[in-house]
C-alpha atoms as a PDB file:
ATOM      1  CA  MET A   1      -0.041   0.257   0.019  1.00  0.00           C
ATOM      2  CA  LYS A   2       2.552   2.429   0.380  1.00  0.00           C
ATOM      3  CA  LEU A   3       4.400   1.657  -2.745  1.00  0.00           C
ATOM      4  CA  PHE A   4       0.830   2.042  -4.104  1.00  0.00           C
ATOM      5  CA  CYS A   5       1.013   5.690  -2.444  1.00  0.00           C
ATOM      6  CA  TYR A   6       4.477   6.544  -3.726  1.00  0.00           C
ATOM      7  CA  ASN A   7       3.570   5.990  -6.966  1.00  0.00           C
ATOM      8  CA  ILE A   8       0.619   8.176  -6.789  1.00  0.00           C
ATOM      9  CA  GLU A   9       2.565  10.917  -5.847  1.00  0.00           C
ATOM     10  CA  LEU A  10       4.895  10.589  -8.333  1.00  0.00           C
ATOM     11  CA  ALA A  11       2.385  10.586 -10.921  1.00  0.00           C
ATOM     12  CA  LYS A  12       0.839  14.060  -9.532  1.00  0.00           C
ATOM     13  CA  GLU A  13       4.404  15.464  -9.860  1.00  0.00           C
ATOM     14  CA  TRP A  14       5.279  13.698 -13.728  1.00  0.00           C
ATOM     15  CA  PRO A  15       6.250  16.631 -15.697  1.00  0.00           C
ATOM     16  CA  GLY A  16       4.820  15.437 -19.243  1.00  0.00           C
ATOM     17  CA  LEU A  17       6.696  13.785 -22.191  1.00  0.00           C
ATOM     18  CA  PRO A  18       9.925  14.600 -23.662  1.00  0.00           C
ATOM     19  CA  LYS A  19       9.776  16.377 -26.930  1.00  0.00           C
ATOM     20  CA  GLY A  20      10.471  14.187 -30.219  1.00  0.00           C
ATOM     21  CA  VAL A  21       7.934  11.655 -28.452  1.00  0.00           C
ATOM     22  CA  LYS A  22       5.362  11.037 -31.471  1.00  0.00           C
ATOM     23  CA  PHE A  23       1.691   9.317 -31.193  1.00  0.00           C
ATOM     24  CA  ASP A  24       1.892   6.979 -33.922  1.00  0.00           C
ATOM     25  CA  PRO A  25      -0.561   4.906 -33.370  1.00  0.00           C
ATOM     26  CA  SER A  26      -1.941   2.114 -35.980  1.00  0.00           C
ATOM     27  CA  ASP A  27      -5.322   0.971 -36.661  1.00  0.00           C
ATOM     28  CA  LYS A  28      -5.781  -1.591 -33.693  1.00  0.00           C
ATOM     29  CA  GLU A  29      -4.381   0.289 -31.608  1.00  0.00           C
ATOM     30  CA  ILE A  30      -6.540   3.232 -32.452  1.00  0.00           C
ATOM     31  CA  ILE A  31      -9.514   1.059 -31.922  1.00  0.00           C
ATOM     32  CA  TRP A  32      -8.174   0.149 -28.734  1.00  0.00           C
ATOM     33  CA  HIS A  33      -8.222   3.348 -27.463  1.00  0.00           C
ATOM     34  CA  LEU A  34     -11.728   3.921 -28.826  1.00  0.00           C
ATOM     35  CA  LEU A  35     -12.881   0.672 -26.985  1.00  0.00           C
ATOM     36  CA  ALA A  36     -11.426   2.545 -23.910  1.00  0.00           C
ATOM     37  CA  LYS A  37     -12.533   5.822 -23.763  1.00  0.00           C
ATOM     38  CA  VAL A  38     -15.879   4.154 -23.783  1.00  0.00           C
ATOM     39  CA  GLY A  39     -15.227   1.741 -20.854  1.00  0.00           C
ATOM     40  CA  VAL A  40     -15.661  -1.764 -23.161  1.00  0.00           C
ATOM     41  CA  GLY A  41     -14.201  -4.390 -21.245  1.00  0.00           C
ATOM     42  CA  ASN A  42     -13.683  -2.931 -18.326  1.00  0.00           C
ATOM     43  CA  LEU A  43     -11.239  -1.139 -20.235  1.00  0.00           C
ATOM     44  CA  GLN A  44      -9.844   2.047 -19.093  1.00  0.00           C
ATOM     45  CA  PRO A  45      -8.026   5.387 -20.893  1.00  0.00           C
ATOM     46  CA  HIS A  46      -4.521   5.374 -20.482  1.00  0.00           C
ATOM     47  CA  PRO A  47      -3.651   7.260 -18.089  1.00  0.00           C
ATOM     48  CA  PHE A  48      -1.973  10.125 -20.680  1.00  0.00           C
ATOM     49  CA  VAL A  49      -4.045   9.942 -23.782  1.00  0.00           C
ATOM     50  CA  ASP A  50      -5.516  13.588 -23.547  1.00  0.00           C
ATOM     51  CA  GLU A  51      -2.381  14.266 -24.444  1.00  0.00           C
ATOM     52  CA  PHE A  52      -2.454  12.839 -27.590  1.00  0.00           C
ATOM     53  CA  ILE A  53      -6.165  12.780 -28.506  1.00  0.00           C
ATOM     54  CA  ILE A  54      -8.350  15.489 -27.902  1.00  0.00           C
ATOM     55  CA  THR A  55     -11.844  14.990 -27.111  1.00  0.00           C
ATOM     56  CA  LEU A  56     -13.806  17.188 -28.440  1.00  0.00           C
ATOM     57  CA  GLU A  57     -17.319  18.448 -27.105  1.00  0.00           C
ATOM     58  CA  VAL A  58     -19.246  20.416 -29.657  1.00  0.00           C
ATOM     59  CA  ASP A  59     -22.669  19.647 -30.805  1.00  0.00           C
ATOM     60  CA  ASP A  60     -21.527  19.525 -34.671  1.00  0.00           C
ATOM     61  CA  GLY A  61     -18.567  16.803 -34.061  1.00  0.00           C
ATOM     62  CA  ILE A  62     -15.706  17.473 -36.398  1.00  0.00           C
ATOM     63  CA  CYS A  63     -17.216  19.240 -39.046  1.00  0.00           C
ATOM     64  CA  TYR A  64     -18.032  22.592 -36.833  1.00  0.00           C
ATOM     65  CA  THR A  65     -15.303  23.955 -38.138  1.00  0.00           C
ATOM     66  CA  HIS A  66     -12.140  23.636 -41.089  1.00  0.00           C
ATOM     67  CA  PRO A  67      -9.430  20.968 -40.116  1.00  0.00           C
ATOM     68  CA  GLN A  68      -7.186  24.449 -40.241  1.00  0.00           C
ATOM     69  CA  ASN A  69      -8.980  25.827 -37.194  1.00  0.00           C
ATOM     70  CA  LEU A  70      -9.037  22.366 -35.645  1.00  0.00           C
ATOM     71  CA  PRO A  71      -7.107  22.921 -31.941  1.00  0.00           C
ATOM     72  CA  GLY A  72      -3.208  21.299 -32.042  1.00  0.00           C
ATOM     73  CA  VAL A  73      -3.646  20.840 -36.126  1.00  0.00           C
ATOM     74  CA  LYS A  74      -0.387  22.020 -38.815  1.00  0.00           C
ATOM     75  CA  GLN A  75      -0.456  21.759 -42.084  1.00  0.00           C
ATOM     76  CA  ASP A  76       2.812  20.046 -41.559  1.00  0.00           C
ATOM     77  CA  GLY A  77       1.869  16.394 -42.293  1.00  0.00           C
ATOM     78  CA  ASN A  78       1.961  14.969 -39.208  1.00  0.00           C
ATOM     79  CA  ALA A  79      -1.721  13.937 -38.017  1.00  0.00           C
ATOM     80  CA  THR A  80      -3.611  15.236 -35.440  1.00  0.00           C
ATOM     81  CA  HIS A  81      -6.165  12.689 -33.442  1.00  0.00           C
ATOM     82  CA  PHE A  82      -9.839  13.280 -32.251  1.00  0.00           C
ATOM     83  CA  PHE A  83     -12.267  12.101 -29.969  1.00  0.00           C
ATOM     84  CA  HIS A  84     -15.827  13.238 -30.946  1.00  0.00           C
ATOM     85  CA  ARG A  85     -19.143  11.931 -31.534  1.00  0.00           C
ATOM     86  CA  ALA A  86     -21.384  11.224 -34.279  1.00  0.00           C
ATOM     87  CA  ILE A  87     -23.640  13.350 -35.530  1.00  0.00           C
ATOM     88  CA  LYS A  88     -26.715  13.365 -38.085  1.00  0.00           C
ATOM     89  CA  ALA A  89     -26.796  15.390 -40.527  1.00  0.00           C
ATOM     90  CA  TYR A  90     -30.936  15.216 -40.439  1.00  0.00           C
ATOM     91  CA  ASN A  91     -33.561  14.674 -37.244  1.00  0.00           C
ATOM     92  CA  THR A  92     -34.197  11.556 -39.825  1.00  0.00           C
ATOM     93  CA  GLY A  93     -32.376   8.954 -41.465  1.00  0.00           C
ATOM     94  CA  THR A  94     -28.929   8.078 -40.688  1.00  0.00           C
ATOM     95  CA  ARG A  95     -26.985  10.230 -43.015  1.00  0.00           C
ATOM     96  CA  LYS A  96     -23.614  11.879 -40.938  1.00  0.00           C
ATOM     97  CA  ARG A  97     -23.112  15.247 -40.493  1.00  0.00           C
ATOM     98  CA  ARG A  98     -20.392  15.861 -42.871  1.00  0.00           C
ATOM     99  CA  LYS A  99     -20.101  19.745 -43.700  1.00  0.00           C
ATOM    100  CA  ILE A 100     -18.059  22.570 -42.322  1.00  0.00           C
ATOM    101  CA  HIS A 101     -20.768  24.875 -40.514  1.00  0.00           C
ATOM    102  CA  ASP A 102     -17.778  27.716 -40.261  1.00  0.00           C
ATOM    103  CA  GLN A 103     -17.441  29.049 -43.640  1.00  0.00           C
ATOM    104  CA  ASP A 104     -19.199  32.010 -45.296  1.00  0.00           C
ATOM    105  CA  PHE A 105     -18.046  31.128 -48.546  1.00  0.00           C
ATOM    106  CA  GLY A 106     -18.660  27.836 -51.065  1.00  0.00           C
ATOM    107  CA  ASP A 107     -19.477  24.506 -49.458  1.00  0.00           C
ATOM    108  CA  VAL A 108     -16.595  22.813 -47.792  1.00  0.00           C
ATOM    109  CA  ARG A 109     -17.668  19.774 -47.010  1.00  0.00           C
ATOM    110  CA  TRP A 110     -15.438  15.505 -46.536  1.00  0.00           C
ATOM    111  CA  HIS A 111     -16.618  12.953 -49.258  1.00  0.00           C
ATOM    112  CA  LYS A 112     -15.992   9.359 -47.662  1.00  0.00           C
ATOM    113  CA  THR A 113     -13.198   7.646 -50.907  1.00  0.00           C
ATOM    114  CA  GLY A 114     -13.086   3.747 -51.509  1.00  0.00           C
ATOM    115  CA  ARG A 115     -14.189   1.134 -49.020  1.00  0.00           C
ATOM    116  CA  THR A 116     -14.896   0.855 -45.452  1.00  0.00           C
ATOM    117  CA  LYS A 117     -12.405  -1.091 -44.036  1.00  0.00           C
ATOM    118  CA  PRO A 118     -12.250  -3.601 -40.917  1.00  0.00           C
ATOM    119  CA  VAL A 119      -9.979  -3.497 -38.369  1.00  0.00           C
ATOM    120  CA  ILE A 120      -9.272  -6.571 -36.534  1.00  0.00           C
ATOM    121  CA  LEU A 121      -8.403  -7.295 -33.188  1.00  0.00           C
ATOM    122  CA  ASN A 122      -7.372 -10.246 -30.662  1.00  0.00           C
ATOM    123  CA  GLY A 123      -8.492 -12.770 -34.356  1.00  0.00           C
ATOM    124  CA  ALA A 124     -12.331 -10.467 -34.025  1.00  0.00           C
ATOM    125  CA  GLN A 125     -13.600  -7.731 -36.064  1.00  0.00           C
ATOM    126  CA  LYS A 126     -14.236  -4.776 -33.261  1.00  0.00           C
ATOM    127  CA  GLY A 127     -14.297  -1.531 -35.377  1.00  0.00           C
ATOM    128  CA  CYS A 128     -14.155   0.167 -38.931  1.00  0.00           C
ATOM    129  CA  LYS A 129     -12.129   2.585 -40.642  1.00  0.00           C
ATOM    130  CA  LYS A 130     -13.308   4.637 -43.510  1.00  0.00           C
ATOM    131  CA  ILE A 131     -11.114   7.938 -46.006  1.00  0.00           C
ATOM    132  CA  MET A 132     -12.364  11.090 -46.563  1.00  0.00           C
ATOM    133  CA  VAL A 133     -11.490  13.827 -48.049  1.00  0.00           C
ATOM    134  CA  LEU A 134     -12.058  17.783 -47.718  1.00  0.00           C
ATOM    135  CA  TYR A 135     -13.933  19.081 -51.350  1.00  0.00           C
ATOM    136  CA  MET A 136     -14.364  22.460 -51.690  1.00  0.00           C
ATOM    137  CA  SER A 137     -16.806  24.460 -53.862  1.00  0.00           C
ATOM    138  CA  SER A 138     -17.042  28.419 -54.979  1.00  0.00           C
ATOM    139  CA  ALA A 139     -19.401  30.328 -53.686  1.00  0.00           C
ATOM    140  CA  GLY A 140     -20.664  30.591 -56.725  1.00  0.00           C
ATOM    141  CA  GLY A 141     -21.916  27.334 -57.212  1.00  0.00           C
ATOM    142  CA  GLY A 142     -19.533  24.890 -59.723  1.00  0.00           C
ATOM    143  CA  LYS A 143     -17.793  21.779 -59.535  1.00  0.00           C
ATOM    144  CA  ALA A 144     -16.054  20.992 -56.062  1.00  0.00           C
ATOM    145  CA  GLU A 145     -12.105  20.756 -55.656  1.00  0.00           C
ATOM    146  CA  LYS A 146     -10.613  18.499 -53.923  1.00  0.00           C
ATOM    147  CA  THR A 147      -7.723  19.488 -51.613  1.00  0.00           C
ATOM    148  CA  ASN A 148      -4.983  17.871 -49.216  1.00  0.00           C
ATOM    149  CA  TRP A 149      -7.125  17.453 -46.031  1.00  0.00           C
ATOM    150  CA  VAL A 150      -7.635  13.768 -45.249  1.00  0.00           C
ATOM    151  CA  MET A 151      -9.056  11.997 -42.349  1.00  0.00           C
ATOM    152  CA  HIS A 152      -9.083   8.699 -41.137  1.00  0.00           C
ATOM    153  CA  GLN A 153     -12.176   8.083 -39.204  1.00  0.00           C
ATOM    154  CA  TYR A 154     -12.400   4.901 -36.689  1.00  0.00           C
ATOM    155  CA  HIS A 155     -15.818   3.743 -34.930  1.00  0.00           C
ATOM    156  CA  LEU A 156     -16.777   0.679 -33.640  1.00  0.00           C
ATOM    157  CA  GLY A 157     -18.837  -2.673 -34.439  1.00  0.00           C
ATOM    158  CA  THR A 158     -19.153  -4.348 -37.473  1.00  0.00           C
ATOM    159  CA  GLU A 159     -21.632  -1.774 -39.327  1.00  0.00           C
ATOM    160  CA  GLU A 160     -20.305   0.285 -42.033  1.00  0.00           C
ATOM    161  CA  ASP A 161     -21.291   3.358 -40.637  1.00  0.00           C
ATOM    162  CA  GLU A 162     -21.216   4.940 -37.103  1.00  0.00           C
ATOM    163  CA  LYS A 163     -24.233   5.265 -34.549  1.00  0.00           C
ATOM    164  CA  ASP A 164     -25.433   8.549 -34.527  1.00  0.00           C
ATOM    165  CA  GLY A 165     -24.342   9.949 -30.915  1.00  0.00           C
ATOM    166  CA  GLU A 166     -21.248   7.161 -30.334  1.00  0.00           C
ATOM    167  CA  PHE A 167     -17.916   8.038 -29.976  1.00  0.00           C
ATOM    168  CA  VAL A 168     -15.063   8.259 -33.245  1.00  0.00           C
ATOM    169  CA  ILE A 169     -11.593   8.634 -33.833  1.00  0.00           C
ATOM    170  CA  SER A 170     -10.227  10.741 -36.582  1.00  0.00           C
ATOM    171  CA  GLU A 171      -7.264  11.216 -37.315  1.00  0.00           C
ATOM    172  CA  VAL A 172      -6.789  14.487 -39.225  1.00  0.00           C
ATOM    173  CA  PHE A 173      -3.888  15.615 -41.262  1.00  0.00           C
ATOM    174  CA  TYR A 174      -3.025  18.085 -44.608  1.00  0.00           C
ATOM    175  CA  GLN A 175      -1.526  16.096 -47.405  1.00  0.00           C
ATOM    176  CA  GLN A 176       2.326  16.986 -48.535  1.00  0.00           C
ATOM    177  CA  GLN A 177       2.597  17.651 -52.066  1.00  0.00           C
ATOM    178  CA  HIS A 178       5.189  15.650 -54.133  1.00  0.00           C
ATOM    179  CA  VAL A 179       8.790  16.794 -54.381  1.00  0.00           C
ATOM    180  CA  LYS A 180       8.490  18.787 -57.883  1.00  0.00           C
ATOM    181  CA  LEU A 181      11.424  19.267 -60.455  1.00  0.00           C
ATOM    182  CA  GLY A 182      11.115  23.355 -61.922  1.00  0.00           C
ATOM    183  CA  ASP A 183       6.426  22.616 -63.010  1.00  0.00           C
ATOM    184  CA  ILE A 184       7.430  18.957 -63.426  1.00  0.00           C
ATOM    185  CA  ASP A 185       6.816  15.841 -61.088  1.00  0.00           C
ATOM    186  CA  GLU A 186       8.933  13.732 -60.295  1.00  0.00           C
ATOM    187  CA  GLN A 187       6.495  10.923 -60.478  1.00  0.00           C
ATOM    188  CA  ASP A 188       5.364  12.195 -63.632  1.00  0.00           C
ATOM    189  CA  ILE A 189       9.365  12.179 -64.884  1.00  0.00           C
ATOM    190  CA  THR A 190       9.631   8.530 -64.126  1.00  0.00           C
ATOM    191  CA  GLU A 191       6.383   7.280 -65.777  1.00  0.00           C
ATOM    192  CA  ALA A 192       7.228   9.382 -68.723  1.00  0.00           C
ATOM    193  CA  THR A 193      10.288   7.812 -69.166  1.00  0.00           C
ATOM    194  CA  GLU A 194       8.882   4.497 -68.864  1.00  0.00           C
ATOM    195  CA  GLU A 195       6.863   4.626 -71.548  1.00  0.00           C
ATOM    196  CA  THR A 196       9.253   6.162 -74.049  1.00  0.00           C
ATOM    197  CA  ILE A 197      11.989   3.367 -73.474  1.00  0.00           C
ATOM    198  CA  ILE A 198      12.166   1.793 -76.822  1.00  0.00           C
ATOM    199  CA  LYS A 199      12.240  -2.313 -76.292  1.00  0.00           C
ATOM    200  CA  VAL A 200      15.264  -3.522 -79.286  1.00  0.00           C
ATOM    201  CA  ASP A 201      15.555  -7.318 -79.403  1.00  0.00           C
ATOM    202  CA  PRO A 202      19.383  -8.209 -78.101  1.00  0.00           C
ATOM    203  CA  VAL A 203      22.728  -8.211 -80.404  1.00  0.00           C
ATOM    204  CA  THR A 204      25.858 -10.136 -80.307  1.00  0.00           C
ATOM    205  CA  PRO A 205      27.980  -7.374 -79.695  1.00  0.00           C
ATOM    206  CA  LYS A 206      30.785  -7.583 -82.817  1.00  0.00           C
ATOM    207  CA  SER A 207      34.227  -8.147 -80.789  1.00  0.00           C
ATOM    208  CA  VAL A 208      36.919  -6.056 -82.100  1.00  0.00           C
ATOM    209  CA  THR A 209      40.346  -7.097 -80.195  1.00  0.00           C
ATOM    210  CA  PRO A 210      42.389  -3.203 -80.186  1.00  0.00           C
ATOM    211  CA  GLU A 211      45.986  -2.106 -81.555  1.00  0.00           C
ATOM    212  CA  PRO A 212      48.843  -1.476 -79.502  1.00  0.00           C
ATOM    213  CA  PRO A 213      49.650   2.330 -79.318  1.00  0.00           C
ATOM    214  CA  HIS A 214      52.532   3.136 -81.989  1.00  0.00           C
ATOM    215  CA  ASN A 215      55.267   3.993 -80.780  1.00  0.00           C
ATOM    216  CA  GLU A 216      58.514   5.298 -83.030  1.00  0.00           C
ATOM    217  CA  ARG A 217      61.440   5.141 -80.357  1.00  0.00           C
ATOM    218  CA  GLN A 218      60.068   1.841 -78.699  1.00  0.00           C
ATOM    219  CA  TYR A 219      63.501   0.696 -79.570  1.00  0.00           C
ATOM    220  CA  SER A 220      65.660   3.671 -79.887  1.00  0.00           C
ATOM    221  CA  ASP A 221      67.242   3.848 -76.156  1.00  0.00           C
ATOM    222  CA  VAL A 222      67.400   0.428 -76.021  1.00  0.00           C
ATOM    223  CA  ASP A 223      71.684  -1.007 -76.076  1.00  0.00           C
ATOM    224  CA  LEU A 224      71.911  -3.805 -78.171  1.00  0.00           C
ATOM    225  CA  GLY A 225      76.168  -3.987 -77.092  1.00  0.00           C
END
């Protein structure tokens, strides 16, 4: 019991985590944190989880603001994680709110891309992962343009869609552009190079024996006796 009390005192004096510590959990580890958040199987959240996964207590969930205005988010390629609740877009139906509501211009909303992926933990499906990309259209309408903002969203259960009001985890990041050489993308250069390679049937090369270099003074300095 004394040791337990001593550990409590140490926890109170914990100075925080050192610089350089990076939170980069796998899909399985994210689902574990989500299970602990809601108390499934008497799991308890890690005592420092709030240092890495921010809980958003807002009525509109993750869509109450543009991702660049979310706490802790930077446009450096690193991901920021959030606990928040799934919110329905309308009072009826199951469609979830994906439209950003604090914008005075155009239509800014998250669109799902690809299929929902099951997340297996200890041999059984415990959750799902979906990928979304932020699209933006101008105030005058027109085609929505894809932005570099990406969100990986995780929810519990085996259903493709999250339930209204349940906690989910969203991983938000700004996807960096490819490195470019001048105005041409390096990947495009590689693809173009591969496409222009001409295939030639192998031919046996001609064998040529080089002649030794001619030296008129090769023997002029040799003493022949």
